[in-house]
Structures are given as structure tokens and as C-alpha cells.
N, C-alpha and C. Protein backbone atom coordinates (compact mmCIF):
# COMPACT_ATOMS: atom_id res chain seq x y z
N GLN A 1 117.72 139.86 81.49
CA GLN A 1 118.27 138.64 81.24
C GLN A 1 118.92 138.15 82.66
N VAL A 2 118.64 136.89 83.00
CA VAL A 2 119.12 136.34 84.22
C VAL A 2 120.58 135.96 84.02
N HIS A 3 121.37 136.20 84.98
CA HIS A 3 122.85 135.84 84.98
C HIS A 3 123.15 135.12 86.32
N LEU A 4 123.80 134.00 86.21
CA LEU A 4 124.08 133.04 87.28
C LEU A 4 125.56 132.83 87.39
N VAL A 5 126.23 132.98 88.58
CA VAL A 5 127.55 132.80 88.76
C VAL A 5 127.81 131.88 89.92
N GLU A 6 128.41 130.75 89.75
CA GLU A 6 128.66 129.79 90.81
C GLU A 6 130.08 130.12 91.36
N SER A 7 130.27 129.73 92.70
CA SER A 7 131.50 129.80 93.39
C SER A 7 131.59 128.81 94.49
N GLY A 8 132.74 128.55 94.96
CA GLY A 8 132.86 127.68 96.19
C GLY A 8 133.44 126.36 95.93
N GLY A 9 133.61 126.03 94.63
CA GLY A 9 134.25 124.75 94.31
C GLY A 9 135.66 124.62 94.68
N GLY A 10 136.24 123.45 94.70
CA GLY A 10 137.65 123.27 94.97
C GLY A 10 138.02 121.79 95.21
N LEU A 11 139.18 121.61 95.75
CA LEU A 11 139.69 120.27 96.07
C LEU A 11 139.50 119.97 97.55
N VAL A 12 138.86 118.81 97.84
CA VAL A 12 138.66 118.45 99.21
C VAL A 12 138.96 116.99 99.34
N GLN A 13 139.29 116.58 100.51
CA GLN A 13 139.53 115.11 100.79
C GLN A 13 138.17 114.38 101.08
N ALA A 14 138.18 113.22 100.82
CA ALA A 14 136.96 112.38 101.04
C ALA A 14 136.50 112.58 102.56
N GLY A 15 135.26 112.76 102.75
CA GLY A 15 134.66 112.94 104.12
C GLY A 15 134.61 114.43 104.42
N GLY A 16 135.10 115.32 103.58
CA GLY A 16 135.13 116.73 103.81
C GLY A 16 133.81 117.30 103.36
N SER A 17 133.82 118.67 103.49
CA SER A 17 132.60 119.50 103.13
C SER A 17 132.95 120.67 102.27
N LEU A 18 132.02 121.13 101.51
CA LEU A 18 132.13 122.38 100.68
C LEU A 18 130.69 122.98 100.71
N ARG A 19 130.79 124.32 100.55
CA ARG A 19 129.53 125.02 100.29
C ARG A 19 129.63 125.82 98.96
N LEU A 20 128.75 125.47 98.06
CA LEU A 20 128.65 126.17 96.80
C LEU A 20 127.71 127.32 96.90
N SER A 21 128.00 128.39 96.18
CA SER A 21 127.09 129.53 96.14
C SER A 21 126.83 129.84 94.66
N CYS A 22 125.69 130.34 94.41
CA CYS A 22 125.22 130.83 93.12
C CYS A 22 124.57 132.14 93.22
N THR A 23 125.24 133.25 92.69
CA THR A 23 124.63 134.48 92.76
C THR A 23 123.76 134.72 91.50
N PHE A 24 122.53 135.38 91.80
CA PHE A 24 121.57 135.55 90.69
C PHE A 24 121.40 137.04 90.50
N SER A 25 121.29 137.37 89.24
CA SER A 25 121.06 138.91 88.84
C SER A 25 120.27 138.98 87.64
N GLY A 26 119.67 140.06 87.44
CA GLY A 26 118.92 140.34 86.28
C GLY A 26 117.38 140.33 86.45
N ARG A 27 116.88 139.61 87.33
CA ARG A 27 115.47 139.52 87.59
C ARG A 27 115.26 139.45 89.10
N THR A 28 113.98 139.18 89.48
CA THR A 28 113.67 139.02 90.94
C THR A 28 113.90 137.61 91.34
N PHE A 29 114.93 137.37 92.13
CA PHE A 29 115.32 136.01 92.50
C PHE A 29 114.22 135.18 93.04
N SER A 30 113.48 135.84 93.96
CA SER A 30 112.47 135.09 94.78
C SER A 30 111.40 134.60 93.86
N GLY A 31 111.26 134.98 92.70
CA GLY A 31 110.27 134.48 91.79
C GLY A 31 110.68 133.30 91.00
N TYR A 32 111.87 132.82 91.16
CA TYR A 32 112.38 131.83 90.31
C TYR A 32 112.62 130.49 91.12
N SER A 33 112.37 129.39 90.51
CA SER A 33 112.76 128.00 91.04
C SER A 33 114.25 127.86 90.71
N MET A 34 114.99 127.16 91.59
CA MET A 34 116.38 127.17 91.41
C MET A 34 116.82 125.64 91.56
N ALA A 35 117.95 125.31 91.06
CA ALA A 35 118.38 123.92 91.21
C ALA A 35 119.93 123.80 91.03
N TRP A 36 120.39 122.70 91.50
CA TRP A 36 121.83 122.36 91.21
C TRP A 36 121.90 121.10 90.42
N PHE A 37 122.76 121.11 89.46
CA PHE A 37 123.06 119.87 88.65
C PHE A 37 124.54 119.71 88.66
N ARG A 38 124.92 118.47 88.26
CA ARG A 38 126.39 118.26 88.19
C ARG A 38 126.63 117.35 86.90
N GLN A 39 127.91 117.41 86.53
CA GLN A 39 128.33 116.57 85.38
C GLN A 39 129.76 116.17 85.57
N ALA A 40 129.89 114.93 85.65
CA ALA A 40 131.26 114.35 85.77
C ALA A 40 131.89 114.02 84.30
N PRO A 41 133.20 113.98 84.23
CA PRO A 41 133.78 113.73 82.84
C PRO A 41 133.27 112.37 82.25
N GLY A 42 132.76 112.47 81.03
CA GLY A 42 132.24 111.24 80.27
C GLY A 42 130.88 110.80 80.73
N LYS A 43 130.23 111.59 81.70
CA LYS A 43 128.94 111.30 82.11
C LYS A 43 127.92 112.33 81.68
N GLU A 44 126.63 112.01 81.78
CA GLU A 44 125.60 112.95 81.44
C GLU A 44 125.37 113.78 82.72
N ARG A 45 124.88 115.02 82.49
CA ARG A 45 124.48 115.92 83.49
C ARG A 45 123.36 115.25 84.32
N GLU A 46 123.45 115.40 85.62
CA GLU A 46 122.49 114.79 86.50
C GLU A 46 121.96 115.82 87.52
N PHE A 47 120.76 115.60 87.85
CA PHE A 47 120.11 116.55 88.89
C PHE A 47 120.63 116.26 90.26
N VAL A 48 120.85 117.33 91.02
CA VAL A 48 121.34 117.07 92.41
C VAL A 48 120.26 117.49 93.40
N ALA A 49 119.67 118.69 93.27
CA ALA A 49 118.74 119.25 94.24
C ALA A 49 118.03 120.38 93.61
N ASN A 50 116.84 120.67 94.11
CA ASN A 50 116.15 121.89 93.69
C ASN A 50 115.34 122.51 94.92
N ILE A 51 115.05 123.80 94.68
CA ILE A 51 114.29 124.52 95.74
C ILE A 51 113.32 125.48 94.96
N GLY A 52 112.04 125.37 95.31
CA GLY A 52 111.13 126.11 94.67
C GLY A 52 110.91 127.57 95.27
N ARG A 53 110.01 128.26 94.68
CA ARG A 53 109.80 129.67 95.18
C ARG A 53 109.32 129.72 96.54
N THR A 54 108.63 128.65 96.95
CA THR A 54 108.05 128.63 98.34
C THR A 54 109.01 128.04 99.31
N GLY A 55 110.19 127.54 98.82
CA GLY A 55 111.14 126.86 99.73
C GLY A 55 111.11 125.38 99.74
N ARG A 56 110.18 124.77 98.95
CA ARG A 56 110.12 123.38 98.96
C ARG A 56 111.28 122.81 98.27
N VAL A 57 111.85 121.72 98.79
CA VAL A 57 113.13 121.17 98.29
C VAL A 57 112.93 119.72 97.82
N ASP A 58 113.82 119.33 96.99
CA ASP A 58 113.90 117.93 96.52
C ASP A 58 115.33 117.51 96.24
N TYR A 59 115.66 116.26 96.39
CA TYR A 59 116.99 115.87 96.29
C TYR A 59 117.12 114.54 95.42
N ALA A 60 118.20 114.44 94.79
CA ALA A 60 118.51 113.20 94.15
C ALA A 60 118.89 112.21 95.21
N ASP A 61 118.66 110.91 95.05
CA ASP A 61 119.00 109.90 96.06
C ASP A 61 120.44 110.07 96.50
N SER A 62 121.32 110.33 95.53
CA SER A 62 122.79 110.45 95.87
C SER A 62 123.08 111.57 96.84
N ALA A 63 122.15 112.58 96.86
CA ALA A 63 122.39 113.79 97.72
C ALA A 63 121.66 113.69 99.06
N LYS A 64 120.60 112.92 99.13
CA LYS A 64 119.88 112.92 100.33
C LYS A 64 120.67 112.53 101.57
N GLY A 65 120.53 113.34 102.66
CA GLY A 65 121.28 113.06 103.95
C GLY A 65 122.59 113.72 103.92
N ARG A 66 123.21 114.09 102.84
CA ARG A 66 124.49 114.63 102.68
C ARG A 66 124.51 116.12 102.29
N PHE A 67 123.62 116.43 101.34
CA PHE A 67 123.64 117.80 100.75
C PHE A 67 122.40 118.51 101.25
N THR A 68 122.51 119.82 101.37
CA THR A 68 121.37 120.79 101.70
C THR A 68 121.33 121.88 100.69
N ILE A 69 120.22 122.07 100.06
CA ILE A 69 120.05 123.26 99.21
C ILE A 69 119.31 124.26 100.01
N SER A 70 119.66 125.57 99.82
CA SER A 70 118.98 126.63 100.44
C SER A 70 119.10 127.84 99.57
N ARG A 71 118.27 128.85 99.99
CA ARG A 71 118.28 130.14 99.21
C ARG A 71 118.13 131.24 100.23
N ASP A 72 118.81 132.34 99.91
CA ASP A 72 118.69 133.63 100.63
C ASP A 72 118.24 134.62 99.61
N ASN A 73 116.85 135.01 99.77
CA ASN A 73 116.31 135.81 98.75
C ASN A 73 116.78 137.22 98.95
N ALA A 74 117.16 137.64 100.21
CA ALA A 74 117.63 138.95 100.40
C ALA A 74 119.03 139.19 99.75
N LYS A 75 119.74 138.01 99.60
CA LYS A 75 121.11 138.20 99.05
C LYS A 75 121.14 137.70 97.52
N ASN A 76 119.96 137.24 96.96
CA ASN A 76 119.87 136.78 95.71
C ASN A 76 120.85 135.61 95.45
N THR A 77 120.94 134.75 96.44
CA THR A 77 121.87 133.68 96.36
C THR A 77 121.31 132.31 96.68
N LEU A 78 121.81 131.38 95.86
CA LEU A 78 121.50 129.96 96.10
C LEU A 78 122.72 129.22 96.65
N TYR A 79 122.46 128.28 97.59
CA TYR A 79 123.57 127.54 98.27
C TYR A 79 123.39 126.03 98.02
N LEU A 80 124.53 125.37 98.13
CA LEU A 80 124.46 123.99 98.24
C LEU A 80 125.53 123.50 99.22
N GLN A 81 125.16 123.09 100.41
CA GLN A 81 126.07 122.65 101.46
C GLN A 81 126.24 121.14 101.18
N MET A 82 127.45 120.73 101.00
CA MET A 82 127.80 119.37 100.74
C MET A 82 128.67 118.80 101.77
N ASN A 83 128.28 117.82 102.51
CA ASN A 83 128.93 117.13 103.58
C ASN A 83 129.18 115.59 103.16
N SER A 84 130.12 115.10 103.86
CA SER A 84 130.50 113.67 103.62
C SER A 84 130.83 113.38 102.21
N LEU A 85 131.60 114.25 101.59
CA LEU A 85 131.88 114.08 100.17
C LEU A 85 132.66 112.88 99.89
N ASN A 86 132.57 112.27 98.79
CA ASN A 86 133.37 111.11 98.35
C ASN A 86 133.72 111.28 96.91
N PRO A 87 134.61 110.55 96.41
CA PRO A 87 135.22 110.76 95.11
C PRO A 87 134.14 110.73 94.04
N GLU A 88 133.08 109.97 94.17
CA GLU A 88 131.99 109.94 93.20
C GLU A 88 131.25 111.28 93.05
N ASP A 89 131.50 112.20 93.97
CA ASP A 89 130.87 113.52 93.91
C ASP A 89 131.76 114.48 93.08
N THR A 90 132.85 114.00 92.53
CA THR A 90 133.66 114.87 91.71
C THR A 90 132.91 115.16 90.38
N ALA A 91 132.82 116.46 90.15
CA ALA A 91 132.09 116.85 88.95
C ALA A 91 132.13 118.38 88.85
N GLY A 92 131.61 118.90 87.75
CA GLY A 92 131.33 120.27 87.55
C GLY A 92 130.00 120.52 88.11
N TYR A 93 129.69 121.50 88.94
CA TYR A 93 128.44 121.72 89.56
C TYR A 93 127.93 123.04 88.97
N TYR A 94 126.64 122.93 88.53
CA TYR A 94 126.03 124.04 87.82
C TYR A 94 124.66 124.41 88.51
N CYS A 95 124.47 125.74 88.73
CA CYS A 95 123.13 126.13 89.18
C CYS A 95 122.29 126.49 87.95
N ALA A 96 121.03 126.33 88.11
CA ALA A 96 120.07 126.68 87.10
C ALA A 96 118.78 127.33 87.69
N GLY A 97 118.18 128.12 86.90
CA GLY A 97 117.00 128.85 87.36
C GLY A 97 116.02 129.02 86.29
N GLY A 98 114.71 129.17 86.74
CA GLY A 98 113.65 129.36 85.70
C GLY A 98 112.34 129.47 86.46
N LEU A 99 111.34 129.84 85.60
CA LEU A 99 109.95 130.04 86.05
C LEU A 99 109.23 128.72 85.97
N SER A 100 109.19 128.08 84.87
CA SER A 100 108.48 126.79 84.62
C SER A 100 109.54 125.70 84.26
N LYS A 101 110.62 126.08 83.70
CA LYS A 101 111.67 125.14 83.42
C LYS A 101 113.00 125.89 83.59
N TYR A 102 114.12 125.10 83.62
CA TYR A 102 115.40 125.75 83.94
C TYR A 102 116.05 126.42 82.57
N ASP A 103 115.65 127.62 82.42
CA ASP A 103 116.11 128.33 81.19
C ASP A 103 117.53 128.93 81.32
N TYR A 104 117.90 129.14 82.51
CA TYR A 104 119.14 129.88 82.72
C TYR A 104 120.15 129.05 83.57
N TRP A 105 121.38 129.05 83.10
CA TRP A 105 122.51 128.28 83.70
C TRP A 105 123.76 129.06 83.91
N GLY A 106 124.42 128.70 85.05
CA GLY A 106 125.71 129.33 85.21
C GLY A 106 126.71 128.62 84.51
N GLN A 107 128.02 129.08 84.74
CA GLN A 107 129.13 128.49 84.00
C GLN A 107 129.79 127.31 84.70
N GLY A 108 129.44 127.14 85.99
CA GLY A 108 129.77 125.97 86.70
C GLY A 108 131.02 126.18 87.55
N THR A 109 131.15 125.38 88.61
CA THR A 109 132.30 125.41 89.51
C THR A 109 132.77 123.96 89.70
N GLN A 110 133.98 123.65 89.67
CA GLN A 110 134.57 122.40 89.82
C GLN A 110 134.71 121.84 91.17
N VAL A 111 134.20 120.72 91.48
CA VAL A 111 134.47 120.04 92.78
C VAL A 111 135.20 118.84 92.58
N THR A 112 136.35 118.62 93.21
CA THR A 112 137.13 117.43 93.10
C THR A 112 137.33 116.84 94.52
N VAL A 113 137.05 115.58 94.67
CA VAL A 113 137.13 114.89 95.93
C VAL A 113 138.20 113.89 95.81
N SER A 114 139.28 114.08 96.65
CA SER A 114 140.28 113.04 96.66
C SER A 114 140.07 111.92 97.64
N SER A 115 140.55 110.69 97.35
CA SER A 115 140.30 109.56 98.19
C SER A 115 141.51 109.50 99.21
């Protein structure tokens, strides 16, 4: 069974940066496609970025140019570097993993951006 644990969230001022991490266990990390999603209060969960097994990445328009998704297969860890944060980025951030779809989800880490 895959187990995902996010960390790195917190309170940051607008314009600041955070790096989220997601540790993966239970299976071979390199064989899984991974992604970050977020959900703000009262809003639906939305896609942020993904990274495939080969390293191919894709971003939501809101993340392009500010966020960078990466993975370290040796450390079984997924990352999300977030720069130029603004209050609209305030949300719970969740990592997800899967083979053909995202079957596994972490418990989330809260990111709050103050203006």
C-alpha cells in the first residue's frame, strides 16, 4: 500500500517562497506518476502540477513560471518549489500518486499567504 506524507507548509508573506515535500513509501516510487493538487476553503480541489515517471512535467496556468515540481527517486520524495506566492495560493496542498490515475493521496499540508 502506498503511503504519502506531505510537509513544508506554513505561513508566508506575499512574494515569499515555500518548498513542499511529499515522502512516498510502500512501493517503488520511480514507477509512479506524481502530482500536486490544492483546495482552498469553499472551493473545489484543483490541479497544480504533475511529473511523470520519465520526468515530464505539466503545470496549471496559475502555477506556470512560479512553481516547480520535481522528484528525487533516490529519496522517494516529491517536491513543489513555490515562489512569488500570493494570497490566492492559500490552500491545503495535497500530493497524489498513481500508475494510470491518482489512486493515492496524502493528508495535505496547509499553505497560508498573508498580504
